[in-house]
N, C-alpha and C. Protein backbone atom coordinates (compact mmCIF):
# COMPACT_ATOMS: atom_id res chain seq x y z
N UNK A 1 256.02 -19.95 3.32
CA UNK A 1 255.63 -18.86 2.46
C UNK A 1 254.96 -19.43 1.21
N UNK A 2 253.80 -18.90 0.90
CA UNK A 2 253.07 -19.27 -0.31
C UNK A 2 253.07 -18.10 -1.27
N UNK A 3 252.99 -18.42 -2.56
CA UNK A 3 252.93 -17.39 -3.60
C UNK A 3 251.62 -17.54 -4.34
N UNK A 4 250.97 -16.40 -4.57
CA UNK A 4 249.69 -16.37 -5.26
C UNK A 4 249.75 -15.36 -6.39
N UNK A 5 248.88 -15.54 -7.38
CA UNK A 5 248.79 -14.61 -8.51
C UNK A 5 247.33 -14.28 -8.76
N UNK A 6 247.07 -12.99 -8.97
CA UNK A 6 245.74 -12.53 -9.38
C UNK A 6 245.87 -11.91 -10.77
N UNK A 7 245.11 -12.39 -11.72
CA UNK A 7 245.09 -11.82 -13.06
C UNK A 7 243.96 -10.81 -13.12
N UNK A 8 244.32 -9.54 -13.09
CA UNK A 8 243.34 -8.47 -13.15
C UNK A 8 243.43 -7.71 -14.47
N UNK A 9 244.02 -8.33 -15.48
CA UNK A 9 244.12 -7.69 -16.79
C UNK A 9 242.72 -7.46 -17.34
N UNK A 10 242.50 -6.26 -17.86
CA UNK A 10 241.21 -5.91 -18.43
C UNK A 10 240.19 -5.44 -17.41
N UNK A 11 240.58 -5.39 -16.15
CA UNK A 11 239.66 -4.95 -15.10
C UNK A 11 240.02 -3.54 -14.66
N UNK A 12 239.00 -2.69 -14.53
CA UNK A 12 239.25 -1.32 -14.09
C UNK A 12 238.86 -1.17 -12.62
N UNK A 13 239.30 -0.08 -12.03
CA UNK A 13 239.03 0.18 -10.62
C UNK A 13 237.53 0.30 -10.40
N UNK A 14 237.06 -0.16 -9.27
CA UNK A 14 237.82 -0.62 -8.10
C UNK A 14 237.99 -2.13 -8.05
N UNK A 15 237.66 -2.86 -9.12
CA UNK A 15 237.67 -4.32 -9.09
C UNK A 15 239.03 -4.91 -8.67
N UNK A 16 240.17 -4.49 -9.27
CA UNK A 16 241.44 -5.08 -8.84
C UNK A 16 241.73 -4.85 -7.34
N UNK A 17 241.43 -3.66 -6.85
CA UNK A 17 241.69 -3.36 -5.44
C UNK A 17 240.83 -4.25 -4.54
N UNK A 18 239.58 -4.41 -4.87
CA UNK A 18 238.68 -5.25 -4.07
C UNK A 18 239.16 -6.70 -4.08
N UNK A 19 239.58 -7.19 -5.24
CA UNK A 19 240.08 -8.56 -5.33
C UNK A 19 241.35 -8.74 -4.50
N UNK A 20 242.24 -7.74 -4.53
CA UNK A 20 243.47 -7.80 -3.74
C UNK A 20 243.14 -7.80 -2.25
N UNK A 21 242.26 -6.92 -1.83
CA UNK A 21 241.89 -6.86 -0.42
C UNK A 21 241.31 -8.19 0.06
N UNK A 22 240.44 -8.79 -0.74
CA UNK A 22 239.85 -10.07 -0.39
C UNK A 22 240.91 -11.17 -0.28
N UNK A 23 241.82 -11.21 -1.25
CA UNK A 23 242.86 -12.24 -1.25
C UNK A 23 243.81 -12.06 -0.08
N UNK A 24 244.17 -10.82 0.22
CA UNK A 24 245.11 -10.56 1.32
C UNK A 24 244.54 -11.02 2.66
N UNK A 25 243.24 -10.96 2.83
CA UNK A 25 242.61 -11.43 4.06
C UNK A 25 242.81 -12.93 4.25
N UNK A 26 242.88 -13.68 3.15
CA UNK A 26 243.05 -15.14 3.20
C UNK A 26 244.50 -15.55 3.44
N UNK A 27 245.44 -14.66 3.16
CA UNK A 27 246.85 -15.00 3.17
C UNK A 27 247.46 -14.91 4.57
N UNK A 28 248.59 -15.59 4.74
CA UNK A 28 249.35 -15.56 5.98
C UNK A 28 250.49 -14.55 5.83
N UNK A 29 251.01 -14.09 6.98
CA UNK A 29 252.16 -13.19 6.97
C UNK A 29 253.31 -13.88 6.25
N UNK A 30 254.04 -13.14 5.45
CA UNK A 30 255.16 -13.51 4.55
C UNK A 30 254.71 -14.14 3.24
N UNK A 31 253.43 -14.41 3.05
CA UNK A 31 252.95 -14.86 1.74
C UNK A 31 253.11 -13.72 0.74
N UNK A 32 253.24 -14.07 -0.53
CA UNK A 32 253.46 -13.08 -1.58
C UNK A 32 252.34 -13.17 -2.61
N UNK A 33 251.80 -12.02 -2.98
CA UNK A 33 250.76 -11.92 -3.99
C UNK A 33 251.28 -11.10 -5.16
N UNK A 34 251.21 -11.66 -6.36
CA UNK A 34 251.55 -10.93 -7.58
C UNK A 34 250.25 -10.62 -8.30
N UNK A 35 250.03 -9.34 -8.58
CA UNK A 35 248.81 -8.88 -9.22
C UNK A 35 249.16 -8.34 -10.60
N UNK A 36 248.57 -8.92 -11.64
CA UNK A 36 248.79 -8.46 -13.01
C UNK A 36 247.70 -7.44 -13.35
N UNK A 37 248.11 -6.21 -13.69
CA UNK A 37 247.15 -5.16 -14.03
C UNK A 37 247.56 -4.46 -15.32
N UNK A 38 246.57 -3.88 -15.98
CA UNK A 38 246.84 -3.09 -17.18
C UNK A 38 246.02 -1.80 -17.17
N UNK A 39 245.60 -1.40 -16.00
CA UNK A 39 244.83 -0.17 -15.84
C UNK A 39 245.62 0.76 -14.94
N UNK A 40 245.93 1.95 -15.41
CA UNK A 40 246.80 2.86 -14.66
C UNK A 40 246.23 3.22 -13.28
N UNK A 41 244.92 3.27 -13.16
CA UNK A 41 244.30 3.57 -11.87
C UNK A 41 244.62 2.46 -10.87
N UNK A 42 244.52 1.21 -11.29
CA UNK A 42 244.83 0.07 -10.42
C UNK A 42 246.32 0.07 -10.07
N UNK A 43 247.16 0.46 -11.03
CA UNK A 43 248.60 0.49 -10.80
C UNK A 43 248.96 1.50 -9.71
N UNK A 44 248.13 2.52 -9.53
CA UNK A 44 248.36 3.52 -8.48
C UNK A 44 247.66 3.13 -7.18
N UNK A 45 246.40 2.72 -7.27
CA UNK A 45 245.60 2.47 -6.07
C UNK A 45 246.02 1.23 -5.29
N UNK A 46 246.34 0.14 -5.97
CA UNK A 46 246.69 -1.10 -5.28
C UNK A 46 247.99 -0.93 -4.48
N UNK A 47 249.08 -0.43 -5.07
CA UNK A 47 250.29 -0.24 -4.26
C UNK A 47 250.10 0.76 -3.12
N UNK A 48 249.33 1.82 -3.37
CA UNK A 48 249.08 2.81 -2.32
C UNK A 48 248.36 2.16 -1.14
N UNK A 49 247.30 1.40 -1.41
CA UNK A 49 246.57 0.72 -0.35
C UNK A 49 247.48 -0.24 0.41
N UNK A 50 248.24 -1.05 -0.33
CA UNK A 50 249.10 -2.06 0.30
C UNK A 50 250.15 -1.39 1.19
N UNK A 51 250.73 -0.31 0.72
CA UNK A 51 251.73 0.42 1.53
C UNK A 51 251.10 0.98 2.79
N UNK A 52 249.92 1.56 2.65
CA UNK A 52 249.23 2.13 3.81
C UNK A 52 248.88 1.06 4.83
N UNK A 53 248.68 -0.18 4.37
CA UNK A 53 248.38 -1.31 5.26
C UNK A 53 249.65 -1.88 5.89
N UNK A 54 250.81 -1.39 5.45
CA UNK A 54 252.08 -1.82 6.02
C UNK A 54 252.76 -2.97 5.31
N UNK A 55 252.28 -3.33 4.12
CA UNK A 55 252.87 -4.44 3.37
C UNK A 55 254.03 -3.93 2.51
N UNK A 56 254.95 -4.84 2.15
CA UNK A 56 256.04 -4.50 1.23
C UNK A 56 255.49 -4.58 -0.19
N UNK A 57 255.79 -3.56 -0.98
CA UNK A 57 255.23 -3.49 -2.34
C UNK A 57 256.33 -3.18 -3.35
N UNK A 58 256.31 -3.91 -4.46
CA UNK A 58 257.20 -3.65 -5.59
C UNK A 58 256.34 -3.63 -6.85
N UNK A 59 256.61 -2.68 -7.73
CA UNK A 59 255.88 -2.61 -9.00
C UNK A 59 256.88 -2.85 -10.13
N UNK A 60 256.56 -3.82 -10.98
CA UNK A 60 257.39 -4.12 -12.15
C UNK A 60 256.64 -3.72 -13.41
N UNK A 61 257.32 -2.97 -14.27
CA UNK A 61 256.75 -2.60 -15.57
C UNK A 61 257.00 -3.77 -16.51
N UNK A 62 255.94 -4.50 -16.87
CA UNK A 62 256.08 -5.72 -17.66
C UNK A 62 256.22 -5.40 -19.14
N UNK A 63 255.27 -4.66 -19.67
CA UNK A 63 255.26 -4.33 -21.09
C UNK A 63 254.33 -3.16 -21.29
N UNK A 64 254.12 -2.77 -22.50
CA UNK A 64 253.30 -1.60 -22.84
C UNK A 64 252.00 -1.55 -22.05
N UNK A 65 252.03 -0.84 -20.93
CA UNK A 65 250.81 -0.64 -20.16
C UNK A 65 250.39 -1.81 -19.29
N UNK A 66 251.30 -2.74 -19.03
CA UNK A 66 251.02 -3.83 -18.10
C UNK A 66 252.04 -3.81 -16.97
N UNK A 67 251.54 -4.07 -15.76
CA UNK A 67 252.40 -4.07 -14.59
C UNK A 67 252.14 -5.30 -13.73
N UNK A 68 253.17 -5.71 -13.00
CA UNK A 68 253.02 -6.70 -11.93
C UNK A 68 253.22 -5.96 -10.61
N UNK A 69 252.26 -6.07 -9.75
CA UNK A 69 252.37 -5.49 -8.42
C UNK A 69 252.62 -6.65 -7.47
N UNK A 70 253.76 -6.63 -6.82
CA UNK A 70 254.15 -7.73 -5.93
C UNK A 70 254.02 -7.24 -4.49
N UNK A 71 253.17 -7.94 -3.74
CA UNK A 71 252.87 -7.53 -2.37
C UNK A 71 253.25 -8.66 -1.42
N UNK A 72 254.12 -8.35 -0.46
CA UNK A 72 254.45 -9.31 0.59
C UNK A 72 253.67 -8.92 1.83
N UNK A 73 252.86 -9.83 2.31
CA UNK A 73 252.04 -9.56 3.49
C UNK A 73 252.94 -9.52 4.72
N UNK A 74 252.89 -8.40 5.43
CA UNK A 74 253.75 -8.22 6.59
C UNK A 74 252.99 -8.07 7.88
N UNK A 75 251.70 -8.02 7.82
CA UNK A 75 250.97 -7.87 9.07
C UNK A 75 249.49 -8.09 8.92
């Protein structure tokens, strides 16, 4: 299992989602991706996409308007 991080702070949709989709294609099953976001649209769209793709998703509220979206690739 490998762990990766994408810093998407300051980026608005659809950039974080596109970056996540691209990175997930490179990853192996059980790898974990942590995505740092500070845009509410990305905080909604990225977890929704990942869930619809069948991945495990957890969202952590880091601080005032910043979130970590943790995605475990499951398929």
